[in-house]
Amino acid sequence: MLGLLVALLALGLAVFALLDGWYLVRFPGAVLCARLLQPRVRDLLAEQCFAGRVLPSDLDLLLHMNNARYLREADFARVAHLTRCGVLGALRGLRAHTVLAASCARYRRSLRLLEPFEVRTRLLGWDDRAFYLEARFVSLRDGFVCALLRFRQHLLGTSPERVVQQLCQRRGRTAPAARNWGPGDGHRTDVARADA
């Protein structure tokens, strides 16, 4: 019996280590927390905050947060953002899904061990195939923007316009006419709000 327990524990630890267990735990945890514990956000363009802290496992050899960890934390913040504003639910209703198609990062200052930060995520706009999002890493020590990341979240099986229409139908409103947006436009004021 003890041998079976040790073998199961060893197998569990191996799977946890080889399959990046913390990611497999935190990702659904971020979705569940956004769905069950945080209020819904009706404005698609509203900025949302996702709290974090630099852990020892996030450090590189220079003892600051590794650049890959910024992308991972932004991934958690992005999925929480899309959950809270209803985009993931609308995608499920349309039997579609989303994939990250592109990302661009600008690192301005290092985040150090145990430093608290917020990932402030907002939807910048959309075009006929993708949503465009921005994530800013803000140090809670002094409010400095340590990193700025932008993403193109490509939709498969539907279009962003249909997702926005689905969100508006759920809220009992008519869908706004949105101007297509591309990364070169840079004006989020031209994008119609889903709750307008």
Protein backbone atom coordinates (compact mmCIF):
# COMPACT_ATOMS: atom_id res chain seq x y z
CA MET A 1 0.00 0.00 0.00
CA LEU A 2 2.78 2.41 0.90
CA GLY A 3 4.63 1.53 -2.32
CA LEU A 4 1.50 2.35 -4.36
CA LEU A 5 1.10 5.66 -2.55
CA VAL A 6 4.76 6.58 -3.18
CA ALA A 7 4.44 5.60 -6.85
CA LEU A 8 1.29 7.72 -7.25
CA LEU A 9 2.95 10.66 -5.53
CA ALA A 10 6.04 10.34 -7.75
CA LEU A 11 3.85 10.10 -10.85
CA GLY A 12 1.84 13.15 -9.75
CA LEU A 13 5.00 15.18 -9.13
CA ALA A 14 6.46 14.14 -12.50
CA VAL A 15 3.28 15.11 -14.35
CA PHE A 16 3.11 18.39 -12.41
CA ALA A 17 6.73 19.23 -13.24
CA LEU A 18 6.74 18.04 -16.86
CA LEU A 19 3.39 19.58 -17.82
CA ASP A 20 3.98 22.90 -16.02
CA GLY A 21 1.46 22.23 -13.30
CA TRP A 22 1.22 25.79 -11.95
CA TYR A 23 0.01 26.99 -15.35
CA LEU A 24 -2.52 24.16 -15.55
CA VAL A 25 -3.83 25.15 -12.10
CA ARG A 26 -3.72 28.95 -12.46
CA PHE A 27 -5.34 29.24 -15.90
CA PRO A 28 -8.68 27.63 -14.98
CA GLY A 29 -8.37 29.32 -11.59
CA ALA A 30 -8.22 32.73 -13.29
CA VAL A 31 -11.31 31.89 -15.37
CA LEU A 32 -13.28 30.61 -12.36
CA CYS A 33 -12.29 33.59 -10.23
CA ALA A 34 -13.32 36.02 -12.99
CA ARG A 35 -16.61 34.19 -13.55
CA LEU A 36 -17.64 33.52 -9.95
CA LEU A 37 -15.93 36.04 -7.68
CA GLN A 38 -15.60 39.23 -9.72
CA PRO A 39 -18.40 41.42 -11.06
CA ARG A 40 -19.31 41.38 -14.74
CA VAL A 41 -18.01 44.25 -16.82
CA ARG A 42 -20.55 45.66 -19.28
CA ASP A 43 -18.18 47.97 -21.15
CA LEU A 44 -16.00 46.02 -23.57
CA LEU A 45 -13.44 48.81 -23.62
CA ALA A 46 -13.14 49.20 -19.84
CA GLU A 47 -9.73 48.58 -18.32
CA GLN A 48 -9.55 45.68 -15.87
CA CYS A 49 -6.89 44.91 -13.27
CA PHE A 50 -5.31 41.57 -12.44
CA ALA A 51 -3.05 41.50 -9.37
CA GLY A 52 0.23 39.63 -9.20
CA ARG A 53 3.51 39.34 -7.34
CA VAL A 54 6.95 38.31 -8.57
CA LEU A 55 7.67 34.84 -7.17
CA PRO A 56 11.05 33.08 -6.95
CA SER A 57 10.02 30.81 -9.84
CA ASP A 58 9.54 33.95 -12.01
CA LEU A 59 13.16 35.10 -11.71
CA ASP A 60 15.93 34.77 -14.25
CA LEU A 61 19.68 34.72 -13.60
CA LEU A 62 19.75 38.50 -13.07
CA LEU A 63 17.13 38.16 -10.30
CA HIS A 64 14.34 40.03 -12.02
CA MET A 65 11.15 38.75 -13.64
CA ASN A 66 11.90 36.69 -16.74
CA ASN A 67 10.48 38.10 -19.99
CA ALA A 68 8.50 34.90 -20.60
CA ARG A 69 6.71 35.37 -17.27
CA TYR A 70 5.35 38.72 -18.44
CA LEU A 71 3.63 36.92 -21.31
CA ARG A 72 2.28 34.27 -18.97
CA GLU A 73 0.89 36.80 -16.48
CA ALA A 74 -0.62 38.76 -19.37
CA ASP A 75 -2.22 35.50 -20.56
CA PHE A 76 -3.97 35.07 -17.19
CA ALA A 77 -5.05 38.72 -17.18
CA ARG A 78 -6.33 38.51 -20.76
CA VAL A 79 -8.46 35.42 -20.13
CA ALA A 80 -9.86 36.99 -16.96
CA HIS A 81 -10.66 40.16 -18.93
CA LEU A 82 -12.42 38.26 -21.73
CA THR A 83 -14.36 36.22 -19.16
CA ARG A 84 -15.55 39.23 -17.15
CA CYS A 85 -16.76 41.18 -20.20
CA GLY A 86 -18.58 38.10 -21.57
CA VAL A 87 -16.52 37.44 -24.68
CA LEU A 88 -15.61 33.86 -23.71
CA GLY A 89 -19.26 33.07 -22.93
CA ALA A 90 -20.34 34.52 -26.27
CA LEU A 91 -17.70 32.46 -28.06
CA ARG A 92 -18.97 29.33 -26.32
CA GLY A 93 -22.52 30.20 -27.43
CA LEU A 94 -21.32 30.62 -31.02
CA ARG A 95 -19.27 27.40 -30.84
CA ALA A 96 -16.12 29.30 -31.68
CA HIS A 97 -12.82 29.86 -29.95
CA THR A 98 -9.89 32.20 -29.89
CA VAL A 99 -6.13 31.88 -30.28
CA LEU A 100 -3.33 34.34 -29.71
CA ALA A 101 -2.10 35.31 -33.19
CA ALA A 102 0.53 37.95 -32.35
CA SER A 103 2.11 39.74 -29.42
CA CYS A 104 4.53 42.61 -29.04
CA ALA A 105 6.24 43.53 -25.77
CA ARG A 106 8.12 46.60 -24.62
CA TYR A 107 10.01 46.20 -21.36
CA ARG A 108 10.73 49.46 -19.54
CA ARG A 109 11.93 48.49 -16.04
CA SER A 110 12.52 45.24 -14.19
CA LEU A 111 10.12 43.80 -11.66
CA ARG A 112 12.05 42.42 -8.67
CA LEU A 113 11.49 39.51 -6.28
CA LEU A 114 8.22 39.77 -4.29
CA GLU A 115 7.34 43.09 -5.94
CA PRO A 116 3.54 43.48 -6.24
CA PHE A 117 2.16 44.53 -9.61
CA GLU A 118 -1.06 44.86 -11.56
CA VAL A 119 -1.70 43.83 -15.12
CA ARG A 120 -4.11 46.42 -16.50
CA THR A 121 -5.79 44.96 -19.56
CA ARG A 122 -8.09 46.66 -22.03
CA LEU A 123 -9.63 45.88 -25.38
CA LEU A 124 -8.40 48.41 -27.91
CA GLY A 125 -10.73 47.40 -30.73
CA TRP A 126 -11.34 44.79 -33.40
CA ASP A 127 -11.34 44.20 -37.13
CA ASP A 128 -13.03 41.50 -39.22
CA ARG A 129 -10.91 38.65 -37.76
CA ALA A 130 -9.41 39.60 -34.41
CA PHE A 131 -9.66 41.53 -31.17
CA TYR A 132 -6.72 43.79 -30.23
CA LEU A 133 -5.78 44.05 -26.56
CA GLU A 134 -3.22 45.85 -24.45
CA ALA A 135 -1.71 44.83 -21.11
CA ARG A 136 0.29 47.23 -18.94
CA PHE A 137 2.37 45.93 -16.04
CA VAL A 138 2.20 48.57 -13.32
CA SER A 139 4.39 48.33 -10.23
CA LEU A 140 2.30 48.83 -7.10
CA ARG A 141 5.41 50.16 -5.38
CA ASP A 142 5.43 53.44 -7.32
CA GLY A 143 2.86 53.22 -10.15
CA PHE A 144 5.50 52.95 -12.89
CA VAL A 145 4.53 51.10 -16.10
CA CYS A 146 7.23 48.41 -16.21
CA ALA A 147 6.11 46.70 -19.41
CA LEU A 148 3.60 47.26 -22.20
CA LEU A 149 2.28 44.33 -24.25
CA ARG A 150 -0.12 44.32 -27.18
CA PHE A 151 -1.93 41.29 -28.56
CA ARG A 152 -3.96 40.20 -31.56
CA GLN A 153 -6.50 37.63 -30.40
CA HIS A 154 -7.70 35.82 -33.55
CA LEU A 155 -11.20 34.27 -33.57
CA LEU A 156 -11.87 30.90 -35.18
CA GLY A 157 -15.41 29.98 -36.22
CA THR A 158 -16.87 33.47 -35.96
CA SER A 159 -16.03 37.15 -36.27
CA PRO A 160 -15.58 39.81 -33.60
CA GLU A 161 -18.66 41.60 -34.96
CA ARG A 162 -20.82 38.50 -34.31
CA VAL A 163 -19.39 38.24 -30.78
CA VAL A 164 -20.30 41.87 -30.10
CA GLN A 165 -23.78 41.29 -31.55
CA GLN A 166 -24.18 38.23 -29.28
CA LEU A 167 -23.16 40.31 -26.25
CA CYS A 168 -25.62 43.05 -27.16
CA GLN A 169 -28.46 40.54 -27.68
CA ARG A 170 -27.80 39.08 -24.23
CA ARG A 171 -28.06 42.56 -22.75
CA GLY A 172 -31.24 43.40 -24.69
CA ARG A 173 -29.66 46.07 -26.87
CA THR A 174 -29.13 46.51 -30.55
CA ALA A 175 -25.60 45.95 -31.75
CA PRO A 176 -23.65 49.12 -32.46
CA ALA A 177 -22.06 49.72 -35.82
CA ALA A 178 -18.35 49.49 -35.15
CA ARG A 179 -15.64 50.92 -37.33
CA ASN A 180 -13.06 48.29 -38.20
CA TRP A 181 -9.86 48.88 -36.31
CA GLY A 182 -6.33 47.93 -37.08
CA PRO A 183 -3.13 48.27 -35.08
CA GLY A 184 -2.08 51.33 -37.07
CA ASP A 185 -5.21 53.31 -36.26
CA GLY A 186 -4.44 53.91 -32.60
CA HIS A 187 -7.78 55.52 -31.71
CA ARG A 188 -9.88 53.53 -29.30
CA THR A 189 -12.51 56.27 -29.29
CA ASP A 190 -13.55 55.21 -32.80
CA VAL A 191 -14.65 51.78 -31.61
CA ALA A 192 -18.29 51.46 -30.57
CA ARG A 193 -19.00 50.19 -27.09
CA ALA A 194 -20.99 46.99 -26.76
CA ASP A 195 -23.29 48.56 -24.20
CA ALA A 196 -23.96 51.77 -26.17
